Amino acid sequence: MKLIVALCLVAVAVAAPPSRANYSPDNVQIVKYDNDNLGLGDYRFAFELTDGTGAEQQAELRNPGKEDESIAVKGSFTWVGPDGVFYRVNYVADDNGYQPEIEQGPGGAVPPAVVASLLG
């Protein structure tokens, strides 16, 4: 039982957003960058920076070559706020419009103006 608790604590520590204690905007590094886009419809990209900022997105071409052709997009973007809290916005953009869902780490509260701007 103690081993399971210890492993859970290690997993939480590893998954935690990076500390901003020694953060300098002049020293942000790219941790991950993927881009798969031929410009023909479907695409996928992702990036992650050492300051906790990141994004990923994938798109699917629907009804190719037809009058109602469209792209459905699904993705997320993340950042660590000045308050040190990790924020994530997951979204879908398709025939039903832009549909965001906001997640925040412990101690965070997304300001009402930000929520209003994301929800339209």
PDB file of N, CA and C in Angstrom:
ATOM      1  N   MET A   1       0.819  -1.195   0.000  1.00  0.00           N
ATOM      2  CA  MET A   1       0.000   0.000   0.000  1.00  0.00           C
ATOM      3  C   MET A   1       0.860   1.256   0.000  1.00  0.00           C
ATOM      4  N   LYS A   2       1.929   1.245   0.828  1.00  0.00           N
ATOM      5  CA  LYS A   2       2.821   2.400   0.888  1.00  0.00           C
ATOM      6  C   LYS A   2       3.498   2.633  -0.456  1.00  0.00           C
ATOM      7  N   LEU A   3       3.820   1.542  -1.155  1.00  0.00           N
ATOM      8  CA  LEU A   3       4.452   1.655  -2.466  1.00  0.00           C
ATOM      9  C   LEU A   3       3.505   2.325  -3.460  1.00  0.00           C
ATOM     10  N   ILE A   4       2.240   1.962  -3.422  1.00  0.00           N
ATOM     11  CA  ILE A   4       1.251   2.559  -4.326  1.00  0.00           C
ATOM     12  C   ILE A   4       1.116   4.055  -4.048  1.00  0.00           C
ATOM     13  N   VAL A   5       1.046   4.437  -2.791  1.00  0.00           N
ATOM     14  CA  VAL A   5       0.946   5.849  -2.420  1.00  0.00           C
ATOM     15  C   VAL A   5       2.186   6.596  -2.887  1.00  0.00           C
ATOM     16  N   ALA A   6       3.368   6.008  -2.689  1.00  0.00           N
ATOM     17  CA  ALA A   6       4.614   6.646  -3.109  1.00  0.00           C
ATOM     18  C   ALA A   6       4.645   6.823  -4.621  1.00  0.00           C
ATOM     19  N   LEU A   7       4.230   5.798  -5.361  1.00  0.00           N
ATOM     20  CA  LEU A   7       4.210   5.894  -6.815  1.00  0.00           C
ATOM     21  C   LEU A   7       3.216   6.958  -7.288  1.00  0.00           C
ATOM     22  N   CYS A   8       2.077   7.075  -6.625  1.00  0.00           N
ATOM     23  CA  CYS A   8       1.103   8.111  -6.972  1.00  0.00           C
ATOM     24  C   CYS A   8       1.679   9.498  -6.738  1.00  0.00           C
ATOM     25  N   LEU A   9       2.390   9.684  -5.629  1.00  0.00           N
ATOM     26  CA  LEU A   9       3.005  10.982  -5.347  1.00  0.00           C
ATOM     27  C   LEU A   9       4.072  11.326  -6.384  1.00  0.00           C
ATOM     28  N   VAL A  10       4.848  10.340  -6.804  1.00  0.00           N
ATOM     29  CA  VAL A  10       5.858  10.568  -7.844  1.00  0.00           C
ATOM     30  C   VAL A  10       5.173  10.941  -9.152  1.00  0.00           C
ATOM     31  N   ALA A  11       4.093  10.256  -9.493  1.00  0.00           N
ATOM     32  CA  ALA A  11       3.373  10.552 -10.736  1.00  0.00           C
ATOM     33  C   ALA A  11       2.816  11.970 -10.718  1.00  0.00           C
ATOM     34  N   VAL A  12       2.288  12.413  -9.596  1.00  0.00           N
ATOM     35  CA  VAL A  12       1.757  13.777  -9.486  1.00  0.00           C
ATOM     36  C   VAL A  12       2.883  14.795  -9.633  1.00  0.00           C
ATOM     37  N   ALA A  13       4.028  14.526  -9.006  1.00  0.00           N
ATOM     38  CA  ALA A  13       5.156  15.456  -9.091  1.00  0.00           C
ATOM     39  C   ALA A  13       5.682  15.564 -10.511  1.00  0.00           C
ATOM     40  N   VAL A  14       5.757  14.463 -11.222  1.00  0.00           N
ATOM     41  CA  VAL A  14       6.251  14.469 -12.598  1.00  0.00           C
ATOM     42  C   VAL A  14       5.265  15.167 -13.523  1.00  0.00           C
ATOM     43  N   ALA A  15       3.969  15.005 -13.287  1.00  0.00           N
ATOM     44  CA  ALA A  15       2.949  15.579 -14.156  1.00  0.00           C
ATOM     45  C   ALA A  15       2.673  17.046 -13.868  1.00  0.00           C
ATOM     46  N   ALA A  16       3.191  17.571 -12.779  1.00  0.00           N
ATOM     47  CA  ALA A  16       2.926  18.965 -12.405  1.00  0.00           C
ATOM     48  C   ALA A  16       3.517  19.913 -13.432  1.00  0.00           C
ATOM     49  N   PRO A  17       2.885  21.074 -13.654  1.00  0.00           N
ATOM     50  CA  PRO A  17       3.438  22.045 -14.587  1.00  0.00           C
ATOM     51  C   PRO A  17       4.784  22.551 -14.087  1.00  0.00           C
ATOM     52  N   PRO A  18       5.637  23.032 -14.996  1.00  0.00           N
ATOM     53  CA  PRO A  18       6.952  23.493 -14.591  1.00  0.00           C
ATOM     54  C   PRO A  18       6.874  24.669 -13.628  1.00  0.00           C
ATOM     55  N   SER A  19       7.838  24.736 -12.735  1.00  0.00           N
ATOM     56  CA  SER A  19       7.896  25.834 -11.774  1.00  0.00           C
ATOM     57  C   SER A  19       8.232  27.134 -12.480  1.00  0.00           C
ATOM     58  N   ARG A  20       7.606  28.223 -12.047  1.00  0.00           N
ATOM     59  CA  ARG A  20       7.903  29.526 -12.624  1.00  0.00           C
ATOM     60  C   ARG A  20       8.848  30.321 -11.724  1.00  0.00           C
ATOM     61  N   ALA A  21       9.398  29.680 -10.691  1.00  0.00           N
ATOM     62  CA  ALA A  21      10.255  30.392  -9.748  1.00  0.00           C
ATOM     63  C   ALA A  21      11.465  31.019 -10.441  1.00  0.00           C
ATOM     64  N   ASN A  22      12.101  30.301 -11.342  1.00  0.00           N
ATOM     65  CA  ASN A  22      13.270  30.811 -12.052  1.00  0.00           C
ATOM     66  C   ASN A  22      12.932  31.124 -13.507  1.00  0.00           C
ATOM     67  N   TYR A  23      11.683  31.397 -13.778  1.00  0.00           N
ATOM     68  CA  TYR A  23      11.222  31.631 -15.140  1.00  0.00           C
ATOM     69  C   TYR A  23      11.736  32.960 -15.681  1.00  0.00           C
ATOM     70  N   SER A  24      12.219  32.925 -16.895  1.00  0.00           N
ATOM     71  CA  SER A  24      12.643  34.131 -17.596  1.00  0.00           C
ATOM     72  C   SER A  24      12.079  34.061 -19.004  1.00  0.00           C
ATOM     73  N   PRO A  25      11.338  35.078 -19.458  1.00  0.00           N
ATOM     74  CA  PRO A  25      10.771  35.017 -20.793  1.00  0.00           C
ATOM     75  C   PRO A  25      11.840  34.988 -21.888  1.00  0.00           C
ATOM     76  N   ASP A  26      13.074  35.317 -21.534  1.00  0.00           N
ATOM     77  CA  ASP A  26      14.165  35.281 -22.507  1.00  0.00           C
ATOM     78  C   ASP A  26      14.777  33.898 -22.647  1.00  0.00           C
ATOM     79  N   ASN A  27      14.340  32.943 -21.823  1.00  0.00           N
ATOM     80  CA  ASN A  27      14.969  31.631 -21.805  1.00  0.00           C
ATOM     81  C   ASN A  27      13.967  30.503 -22.018  1.00  0.00           C
ATOM     82  N   VAL A  28      12.946  30.713 -22.821  1.00  0.00           N
ATOM     83  CA  VAL A  28      11.945  29.681 -23.087  1.00  0.00           C
ATOM     84  C   VAL A  28      12.458  28.789 -24.219  1.00  0.00           C
ATOM     85  N   GLN A  29      12.358  27.489 -24.020  1.00  0.00           N
ATOM     86  CA  GLN A  29      12.849  26.508 -24.993  1.00  0.00           C
ATOM     87  C   GLN A  29      11.678  25.716 -25.569  1.00  0.00           C
ATOM     88  N   ILE A  30      11.828  25.257 -26.792  1.00  0.00           N
ATOM     89  CA  ILE A  30      10.846  24.368 -27.409  1.00  0.00           C
ATOM     90  C   ILE A  30      11.148  22.949 -26.946  1.00  0.00           C
ATOM     91  N   VAL A  31      10.166  22.315 -26.325  1.00  0.00           N
ATOM     92  CA  VAL A  31      10.319  20.949 -25.846  1.00  0.00           C
ATOM     93  C   VAL A  31       9.834  19.965 -26.902  1.00  0.00           C
ATOM     94  N   LYS A  32       8.763  20.345 -27.606  1.00  0.00           N
ATOM     95  CA  LYS A  32       8.141  19.451 -28.579  1.00  0.00           C
ATOM     96  C   LYS A  32       7.563  20.280 -29.715  1.00  0.00           C
ATOM     97  N   TYR A  33       7.733  19.791 -30.946  1.00  0.00           N
ATOM     98  CA  TYR A  33       7.091  20.421 -32.091  1.00  0.00           C
ATOM     99  C   TYR A  33       6.810  19.344 -33.127  1.00  0.00           C
ATOM    100  N   ASP A  34       5.548  19.161 -33.452  1.00  0.00           N
ATOM    101  CA  ASP A  34       5.129  18.205 -34.479  1.00  0.00           C
ATOM    102  C   ASP A  34       4.201  18.931 -35.436  1.00  0.00           C
ATOM    103  N   ASN A  35       4.366  18.679 -36.728  1.00  0.00           N
ATOM    104  CA  ASN A  35       3.498  19.305 -37.720  1.00  0.00           C
ATOM    105  C   ASN A  35       3.315  18.334 -38.878  1.00  0.00           C
ATOM    106  N   ASP A  36       2.096  17.931 -39.098  1.00  0.00           N
ATOM    107  CA  ASP A  36       1.757  17.030 -40.197  1.00  0.00           C
ATOM    108  C   ASP A  36       0.642  17.700 -40.986  1.00  0.00           C
ATOM    109  N   ASN A  37       1.034  18.488 -41.993  1.00  0.00           N
ATOM    110  CA  ASN A  37       0.053  19.255 -42.757  1.00  0.00           C
ATOM    111  C   ASN A  37       0.520  19.371 -44.200  1.00  0.00           C
ATOM    112  N   LEU A  38      -0.182  18.694 -45.084  1.00  0.00           N
ATOM    113  CA  LEU A  38       0.126  18.774 -46.508  1.00  0.00           C
ATOM    114  C   LEU A  38      -0.726  19.829 -47.207  1.00  0.00           C
ATOM    115  N   GLY A  39      -1.608  20.483 -46.480  1.00  0.00           N
ATOM    116  CA  GLY A  39      -2.478  21.488 -47.069  1.00  0.00           C
ATOM    117  C   GLY A  39      -3.611  20.907 -47.885  1.00  0.00           C
ATOM    118  N   LEU A  40      -3.943  19.648 -47.634  1.00  0.00           N
ATOM    119  CA  LEU A  40      -4.982  18.979 -48.415  1.00  0.00           C
ATOM    120  C   LEU A  40      -6.203  18.590 -47.592  1.00  0.00           C
ATOM    121  N   GLY A  41      -6.376  19.180 -46.449  1.00  0.00           N
ATOM    122  CA  GLY A  41      -7.548  18.855 -45.631  1.00  0.00           C
ATOM    123  C   GLY A  41      -7.168  18.500 -44.219  1.00  0.00           C
ATOM    124  N   ASP A  42      -7.010  17.199 -43.944  1.00  0.00           N
ATOM    125  CA  ASP A  42      -6.666  16.758 -42.590  1.00  0.00           C
ATOM    126  C   ASP A  42      -5.287  17.295 -42.208  1.00  0.00           C
ATOM    127  N   TYR A  43      -5.136  17.660 -40.953  1.00  0.00           N
ATOM    128  CA  TYR A  43      -3.821  18.059 -40.458  1.00  0.00           C
ATOM    129  C   TYR A  43      -3.737  17.816 -38.970  1.00  0.00           C
ATOM    130  N   ARG A  44      -2.512  17.917 -38.461  1.00  0.00           N
ATOM    131  CA  ARG A  44      -2.247  17.691 -37.058  1.00  0.00           C
ATOM    132  C   ARG A  44      -0.997  18.468 -36.679  1.00  0.00           C
ATOM    133  N   PHE A  45      -1.037  19.178 -35.570  1.00  0.00           N
ATOM    134  CA  PHE A  45       0.175  19.822 -35.078  1.00  0.00           C
ATOM    135  C   PHE A  45       0.134  19.915 -33.569  1.00  0.00           C
ATOM    136  N   ALA A  46       1.326  20.080 -32.996  1.00  0.00           N
ATOM    137  CA  ALA A  46       1.442  20.218 -31.546  1.00  0.00           C
ATOM    138  C   ALA A  46       2.765  20.892 -31.220  1.00  0.00           C
ATOM    139  N   PHE A  47       2.764  21.672 -30.138  1.00  0.00           N
ATOM    140  CA  PHE A  47       4.011  22.207 -29.625  1.00  0.00           C
ATOM    141  C   PHE A  47       3.908  22.335 -28.115  1.00  0.00           C
ATOM    142  N   GLU A  48       5.067  22.353 -27.475  1.00  0.00           N
ATOM    143  CA  GLU A  48       5.141  22.523 -26.027  1.00  0.00           C
ATOM    144  C   GLU A  48       6.411  23.301 -25.718  1.00  0.00           C
ATOM    145  N   LEU A  49       6.308  24.271 -24.815  1.00  0.00           N
ATOM    146  CA  LEU A  49       7.448  25.089 -24.416  1.00  0.00           C
ATOM    147  C   LEU A  49       7.788  24.833 -22.950  1.00  0.00           C
ATOM    148  N   THR A  50       8.999  25.194 -22.552  1.00  0.00           N
ATOM    149  CA  THR A  50       9.436  24.946 -21.180  1.00  0.00           C
ATOM    150  C   THR A  50       8.692  25.780 -20.151  1.00  0.00           C
ATOM    151  N   ASP A  51       8.000  26.837 -20.573  1.00  0.00           N
ATOM    152  CA  ASP A  51       7.261  27.671 -19.615  1.00  0.00           C
ATOM    153  C   ASP A  51       5.846  27.170 -19.364  1.00  0.00           C
ATOM    154  N   GLY A  52       5.485  25.984 -19.915  1.00  0.00           N
ATOM    155  CA  GLY A  52       4.157  25.418 -19.699  1.00  0.00           C
ATOM    156  C   GLY A  52       3.162  25.759 -20.784  1.00  0.00           C
ATOM    157  N   THR A  53       3.563  26.618 -21.727  1.00  0.00           N
ATOM    158  CA  THR A  53       2.698  26.963 -22.852  1.00  0.00           C
ATOM    159  C   THR A  53       2.717  25.819 -23.855  1.00  0.00           C
ATOM    160  N   GLY A  54       1.570  25.535 -24.445  1.00  0.00           N
ATOM    161  CA  GLY A  54       1.517  24.494 -25.465  1.00  0.00           C
ATOM    162  C   GLY A  54       0.187  24.508 -26.184  1.00  0.00           C
ATOM    163  N   ALA A  55       0.149  23.771 -27.268  1.00  0.00           N
ATOM    164  CA  ALA A  55      -1.090  23.634 -28.032  1.00  0.00           C
ATOM    165  C   ALA A  55      -1.006  22.363 -28.856  1.00  0.00           C
ATOM    166  N   GLU A  56      -2.159  21.814 -29.126  1.00  0.00           N
ATOM    167  CA  GLU A  56      -2.250  20.708 -30.071  1.00  0.00           C
ATOM    168  C   GLU A  56      -3.592  20.813 -30.770  1.00  0.00           C
ATOM    169  N   GLN A  57      -3.587  20.403 -32.022  1.00  0.00           N
ATOM    170  CA  GLN A  57      -4.803  20.536 -32.810  1.00  0.00           C
ATOM    171  C   GLN A  57      -4.778  19.497 -33.916  1.00  0.00           C
ATOM    172  N   GLN A  58      -5.952  18.966 -34.204  1.00  0.00           N
ATOM    173  CA  GLN A  58      -6.099  18.063 -35.337  1.00  0.00           C
ATOM    174  C   GLN A  58      -7.388  18.415 -36.065  1.00  0.00           C
ATOM    175  N   ALA A  59      -7.354  18.243 -37.362  1.00  0.00           N
ATOM    176  CA  ALA A  59      -8.526  18.588 -38.168  1.00  0.00           C
ATOM    177  C   ALA A  59      -8.855  17.446 -39.116  1.00  0.00           C
ATOM    178  N   GLU A  60     -10.126  17.347 -39.398  1.00  0.00           N
ATOM    179  CA  GLU A  60     -10.626  16.317 -40.302  1.00  0.00           C
ATOM    180  C   GLU A  60     -11.487  16.985 -41.364  1.00  0.00           C
ATOM    181  N   LEU A  61     -11.196  16.696 -42.611  1.00  0.00           N
ATOM    182  CA  LEU A  61     -12.001  17.216 -43.712  1.00  0.00           C
ATOM    183  C   LEU A  61     -13.258  16.364 -43.820  1.00  0.00           C
ATOM    184  N   ARG A  62     -14.407  17.023 -43.758  1.00  0.00           N
ATOM    185  CA  ARG A  62     -15.688  16.309 -43.847  1.00  0.00           C
ATOM    186  C   ARG A  62     -16.343  16.601 -45.182  1.00  0.00           C
ATOM    187  N   ASN A  63     -16.918  15.586 -45.775  1.00  0.00           N
ATOM    188  CA  ASN A  63     -17.616  15.665 -47.061  1.00  0.00           C
ATOM    189  C   ASN A  63     -16.735  16.272 -48.157  1.00  0.00           C
ATOM    190  N   PRO A  64     -15.521  15.729 -48.357  1.00  0.00           N
ATOM    191  CA  PRO A  64     -14.615  16.308 -49.355  1.00  0.00           C
ATOM    192  C   PRO A  64     -15.214  16.337 -50.756  1.00  0.00           C
ATOM    193  N   GLY A  65     -15.046  17.475 -51.428  1.00  0.00           N
ATOM    194  CA  GLY A  65     -15.510  17.633 -52.793  1.00  0.00           C
ATOM    195  C   GLY A  65     -16.994  17.900 -52.940  1.00  0.00           C
ATOM    196  N   LYS A  66     -17.716  17.934 -51.838  1.00  0.00           N
ATOM    197  CA  LYS A  66     -19.161  18.187 -51.907  1.00  0.00           C
ATOM    198  C   LYS A  66     -19.462  19.628 -51.532  1.00  0.00           C
ATOM    199  N   GLU A  67     -20.669  20.037 -51.782  1.00  0.00           N
ATOM    200  CA  GLU A  67     -21.082  21.414 -51.506  1.00  0.00           C
ATOM    201  C   GLU A  67     -20.989  21.757 -50.023  1.00  0.00           C
ATOM    202  N   ASP A  68     -21.216  20.786 -49.156  1.00  0.00           N
ATOM    203  CA  ASP A  68     -21.173  21.033 -47.718  1.00  0.00           C
ATOM    204  C   ASP A  68     -19.829  20.624 -47.100  1.00  0.00           C
ATOM    205  N   GLU A  69     -18.752  20.657 -47.888  1.00  0.00           N
ATOM    206  CA  GLU A  69     -17.413  20.347 -47.388  1.00  0.00           C
ATOM    207  C   GLU A  69     -17.057  21.279 -46.231  1.00  0.00           C
ATOM    208  N   SER A  70     -16.468  20.705 -45.196  1.00  0.00           N
ATOM    209  CA  SER A  70     -16.066  21.509 -44.041  1.00  0.00           C
ATOM    210  C   SER A  70     -14.916  20.825 -43.310  1.00  0.00           C
ATOM    211  N   ILE A  71     -14.333  21.548 -42.391  1.00  0.00           N
ATOM    212  CA  ILE A  71     -13.269  20.991 -41.559  1.00  0.00           C
ATOM    213  C   ILE A  71     -13.750  21.003 -40.116  1.00  0.00           C
ATOM    214  N   ALA A  72     -13.582  19.887 -39.431  1.00  0.00           N
ATOM    215  CA  ALA A  72     -13.872  19.795 -38.001  1.00  0.00           C
ATOM    216  C   ALA A  72     -12.532  19.786 -37.271  1.00  0.00           C
ATOM    217  N   VAL A  73     -12.394  20.673 -36.308  1.00  0.00           N
ATOM    218  CA  VAL A  73     -11.134  20.838 -35.586  1.00  0.00           C
ATOM    219  C   VAL A  73     -11.341  20.495 -34.116  1.00  0.00           C
ATOM    220  N   LYS A  74     -10.348  19.806 -33.547  1.00  0.00           N
ATOM    221  CA  LYS A  74     -10.376  19.445 -32.128  1.00  0.00           C
ATOM    222  C   LYS A  74      -8.984  19.727 -31.584  1.00  0.00           C
ATOM    223  N   GLY A  75      -8.907  20.350 -30.419  1.00  0.00           N
ATOM    224  CA  GLY A  75      -7.590  20.638 -29.878  1.00  0.00           C
ATOM    225  C   GLY A  75      -7.632  21.212 -28.485  1.00  0.00           C
ATOM    226  N   SER A  76      -6.472  21.722 -28.069  1.00  0.00           N
ATOM    227  CA  SER A  76      -6.358  22.336 -26.757  1.00  0.00           C
ATOM    228  C   SER A  76      -5.161  23.276 -26.753  1.00  0.00           C
ATOM    229  N   PHE A  77      -5.181  24.209 -25.809  1.00  0.00           N
ATOM    230  CA  PHE A  77      -4.005  25.027 -25.566  1.00  0.00           C
ATOM    231  C   PHE A  77      -3.845  25.200 -24.065  1.00  0.00           C
ATOM    232  N   THR A  78      -2.597  25.342 -23.634  1.00  0.00           N
ATOM    233  CA  THR A  78      -2.279  25.385 -22.209  1.00  0.00           C
ATOM    234  C   THR A  78      -1.317  26.525 -21.913  1.00  0.00           C
ATOM    235  N   TRP A  79      -1.342  26.946 -20.677  1.00  0.00           N
ATOM    236  CA  TRP A  79      -0.380  27.935 -20.203  1.00  0.00           C
ATOM    237  C   TRP A  79      -0.364  27.909 -18.680  1.00  0.00           C
ATOM    238  N   VAL A  80       0.699  28.456 -18.125  1.00  0.00           N
ATOM    239  CA  VAL A  80       0.793  28.648 -16.682  1.00  0.00           C
ATOM    240  C   VAL A  80       0.626  30.143 -16.462  1.00  0.00           C
ATOM    241  N   GLY A  81      -0.406  30.510 -15.707  1.00  0.00           N
ATOM    242  CA  GLY A  81      -0.713  31.919 -15.484  1.00  0.00           C
ATOM    243  C   GLY A  81       0.281  32.581 -14.539  1.00  0.00           C
ATOM    244  N   PRO A  82       0.216  33.910 -14.451  1.00  0.00           N
ATOM    245  CA  PRO A  82       1.080  34.639 -13.531  1.00  0.00           C
ATOM    246  C   PRO A  82       0.868  34.217 -12.079  1.00  0.00           C
ATOM    247  N   ASP A  83      -0.294  33.600 -11.814  1.00  0.00           N
ATOM    248  CA  ASP A  83      -0.587  33.105 -10.472  1.00  0.00           C
ATOM    249  C   ASP A  83       0.025  31.730 -10.215  1.00  0.00           C
ATOM    250  N   GLY A  84       0.757  31.181 -11.221  1.00  0.00           N
ATOM    251  CA  GLY A  84       1.397  29.877 -11.080  1.00  0.00           C
ATOM    252  C   GLY A  84       0.467  28.703 -11.310  1.00  0.00           C
ATOM    253  N   VAL A  85      -0.769  28.964 -11.709  1.00  0.00           N
ATOM    254  CA  VAL A  85      -1.765  27.912 -11.926  1.00  0.00           C
ATOM    255  C   VAL A  85      -1.723  27.471 -13.389  1.00  0.00           C
ATOM    256  N   PHE A  86      -1.838  26.176 -13.600  1.00  0.00           N
ATOM    257  CA  PHE A  86      -1.861  25.588 -14.934  1.00  0.00           C
ATOM    258  C   PHE A  86      -3.280  25.661 -15.495  1.00  0.00           C
ATOM    259  N   TYR A  87      -3.424  26.188 -16.691  1.00  0.00           N
ATOM    260  CA  TYR A  87      -4.727  26.313 -17.344  1.00  0.00           C
ATOM    261  C   TYR A  87      -4.718  25.547 -18.661  1.00  0.00           C
ATOM    262  N   ARG A  88      -5.867  24.988 -19.014  1.00  0.00           N
ATOM    263  CA  ARG A  88      -6.032  24.288 -20.290  1.00  0.00           C
ATOM    264  C   ARG A  88      -7.418  24.611 -20.835  1.00  0.00           C
ATOM    265  N   VAL A  89      -7.468  24.866 -22.125  1.00  0.00           N
ATOM    266  CA  VAL A  89      -8.735  25.015 -22.819  1.00  0.00           C
ATOM    267  C   VAL A  89      -8.789  23.912 -23.876  1.00  0.00           C
ATOM    268  N   ASN A  90      -9.754  23.017 -23.746  1.00  0.00           N
ATOM    269  CA  ASN A  90     -10.020  21.986 -24.751  1.00  0.00           C
ATOM    270  C   ASN A  90     -11.172  22.501 -25.606  1.00  0.00           C
ATOM    271  N   TYR A  91     -11.112  22.257 -26.891  1.00  0.00           N
ATOM    272  CA  TYR A  91     -12.172  22.783 -27.745  1.00  0.00           C
ATOM    273  C   TYR A  91     -12.438  21.888 -28.944  1.00  0.00           C
ATOM    274  N   VAL A  92     -13.621  22.069 -29.492  1.00  0.00           N
ATOM    275  CA  VAL A  92     -14.034  21.486 -30.754  1.00  0.00           C
ATOM    276  C   VAL A  92     -14.606  22.638 -31.561  1.00  0.00           C
ATOM    277  N   ALA A  93     -14.265  22.693 -32.834  1.00  0.00           N
ATOM    278  CA  ALA A  93     -14.846  23.685 -33.736  1.00  0.00           C
ATOM    279  C   ALA A  93     -15.319  22.922 -34.969  1.00  0.00           C
ATOM    280  N   ASP A  94     -16.636  22.899 -35.154  1.00  0.00           N
ATOM    281  CA  ASP A  94     -17.206  22.148 -36.265  1.00  0.00           C
ATOM    282  C   ASP A  94     -18.516  22.801 -36.701  1.00  0.00           C
ATOM    283  N   ASP A  95     -19.398  22.021 -37.267  1.00  0.00           N
ATOM    284  CA  ASP A  95     -20.692  22.547 -37.733  1.00  0.00           C
ATOM    285  C   ASP A  95     -21.504  23.177 -36.603  1.00  0.00           C
ATOM    286  N   ASN A  96     -21.210  22.809 -35.374  1.00  0.00           N
ATOM    287  CA  ASN A  96     -21.936  23.345 -34.224  1.00  0.00           C
ATOM    288  C   ASN A  96     -21.248  24.552 -33.599  1.00  0.00           C
ATOM    289  N   GLY A  97     -20.214  25.091 -34.250  1.00  0.00           N
ATOM    290  CA  GLY A  97     -19.509  26.266 -33.750  1.00  0.00           C
ATOM    291  C   GLY A  97     -18.319  25.905 -32.878  1.00  0.00           C
ATOM    292  N   TYR A  98     -17.800  26.909 -32.192  1.00  0.00           N
ATOM    293  CA  TYR A  98     -16.649  26.759 -31.301  1.00  0.00           C
ATOM    294  C   TYR A  98     -17.158  26.382 -29.918  1.00  0.00           C
ATOM    295  N   GLN A  99     -16.661  25.256 -29.384  1.00  0.00           N
ATOM    296  CA  GLN A  99     -17.154  24.727 -28.117  1.00  0.00           C
ATOM    297  C   GLN A  99     -15.987  24.502 -27.155  1.00  0.00           C
ATOM    298  N   PRO A 100     -15.617  25.510 -26.365  1.00  0.00           N
ATOM    299  CA  PRO A 100     -14.495  25.358 -25.443  1.00  0.00           C
ATOM    300  C   PRO A 100     -14.914  24.805 -24.083  1.00  0.00           C
ATOM    301  N   GLU A 101     -13.984  24.133 -23.433  1.00  0.00           N
ATOM    302  CA  GLU A 101     -14.135  23.692 -22.049  1.00  0.00           C
ATOM    303  C   GLU A 101     -12.867  24.101 -21.328  1.00  0.00           C
ATOM    304  N   ILE A 102     -12.998  24.812 -20.230  1.00  0.00           N
ATOM    305  CA  ILE A 102     -11.853  25.352 -19.509  1.00  0.00           C
ATOM    306  C   ILE A 102     -11.546  24.494 -18.297  1.00  0.00           C
ATOM    307  N   GLU A 103     -10.267  24.114 -18.156  1.00  0.00           N
ATOM    308  CA  GLU A 103      -9.795  23.382 -16.984  1.00  0.00           C
ATOM    309  C   GLU A 103      -8.744  24.239 -16.307  1.00  0.00           C
ATOM    310  N   GLN A 104      -8.646  24.135 -14.995  1.00  0.00           N
ATOM    311  CA  GLN A 104      -7.604  24.861 -14.279  1.00  0.00           C
ATOM    312  C   GLN A 104      -7.092  24.020 -13.128  1.00  0.00           C
ATOM    313  N   GLY A 105      -5.826  24.240 -12.805  1.00  0.00           N
ATOM    314  CA  GLY A 105      -5.208  23.507 -11.710  1.00  0.00           C
ATOM    315  C   GLY A 105      -5.678  24.038 -10.371  1.00  0.00           C
ATOM    316  N   PRO A 106      -5.215  23.443  -9.300  1.00  0.00           N
ATOM    317  CA  PRO A 106      -5.590  23.873  -7.955  1.00  0.00           C
ATOM    318  C   PRO A 106      -5.238  25.345  -7.718  1.00  0.00           C
ATOM    319  N   GLY A 107      -6.155  26.066  -7.086  1.00  0.00           N
ATOM    320  CA  GLY A 107      -5.911  27.462  -6.738  1.00  0.00           C
ATOM    321  C   GLY A 107      -6.228  28.443  -7.836  1.00  0.00           C
ATOM    322  N   GLY A 108      -6.680  27.957  -8.979  1.00  0.00           N
ATOM    323  CA  GLY A 108      -6.924  28.855 -10.110  1.00  0.00           C
ATOM    324  C   GLY A 108      -8.375  29.225 -10.247  1.00  0.00           C
ATOM    325  N   ALA A 109      -8.578  30.369 -10.810  1.00  0.00           N
ATOM    326  CA  ALA A 109      -9.923  30.828 -11.134  1.00  0.00           C
ATOM    327  C   ALA A 109      -9.822  31.661 -12.400  1.00  0.00           C
ATOM    328  N   VAL A 110     -10.421  31.161 -13.461  1.00  0.00           N
ATOM    329  CA  VAL A 110     -10.391  31.897 -14.716  1.00  0.00           C
ATOM    330  C   VAL A 110     -11.263  33.141 -14.551  1.00  0.00           C
ATOM    331  N   PRO A 111     -10.695  34.328 -14.830  1.00  0.00           N
ATOM    332  CA  PRO A 111     -11.478  35.548 -14.689  1.00  0.00           C
ATOM    333  C   PRO A 111     -12.733  35.522 -15.559  1.00  0.00           C
ATOM    334  N   PRO A 112     -13.849  36.051 -15.071  1.00  0.00           N
ATOM    335  CA  PRO A 112     -15.102  36.025 -15.832  1.00  0.00           C
ATOM    336  C   PRO A 112     -14.982  36.633 -17.226  1.00  0.00           C
ATOM    337  N   ALA A 113     -14.149  37.654 -17.404  1.00  0.00           N
ATOM    338  CA  ALA A 113     -13.995  38.283 -18.723  1.00  0.00           C
ATOM    339  C   ALA A 113     -13.360  37.310 -19.711  1.00  0.00           C
ATOM    340  N   VAL A 114     -12.425  36.480 -19.230  1.00  0.00           N
ATOM    341  CA  VAL A 114     -11.796  35.484 -20.108  1.00  0.00           C
ATOM    342  C   VAL A 114     -12.815  34.416 -20.498  1.00  0.00           C
ATOM    343  N   VAL A 115     -13.582  33.943 -19.535  1.00  0.00           N
ATOM    344  CA  VAL A 115     -14.611  32.952 -19.818  1.00  0.00           C
ATOM    345  C   VAL A 115     -15.605  33.499 -20.839  1.00  0.00           C
ATOM    346  N   ALA A 116     -16.036  34.725 -20.651  1.00  0.00           N
ATOM    347  CA  ALA A 116     -17.000  35.352 -21.579  1.00  0.00           C
ATOM    348  C   ALA A 116     -16.411  35.456 -22.979  1.00  0.00           C
ATOM    349  N   SER A 117     -15.122  35.813 -23.100  1.00  0.00           N
ATOM    350  CA  SER A 117     -14.528  35.970 -24.426  1.00  0.00           C
ATOM    351  C   SER A 117     -14.376  34.617 -25.113  1.00  0.00           C
ATOM    352  N   LEU A 118     -14.109  33.558 -24.359  1.00  0.00           N
ATOM    353  CA  LEU A 118     -13.977  32.228 -24.946  1.00  0.00           C
ATOM    354  C   LEU A 118     -15.312  31.642 -25.359  1.00  0.00           C
ATOM    355  N   LEU A 119     -16.341  31.943 -24.594  1.00  0.00           N
ATOM    356  CA  LEU A 119     -17.654  31.368 -24.886  1.00  0.00           C
ATOM    357  C   LEU A 119     -18.467  32.204 -25.874  1.00  0.00           C
ATOM    358  N   GLY A 120     -17.948  33.365 -26.222  1.00  0.00           N
ATOM    359  CA  GLY A 120     -18.601  34.207 -27.230  1.00  0.00           C
ATOM    360  C   GLY A 120     -19.647  35.009 -26.600  1.00  0.00           C
TER     361      GLY A 120
END
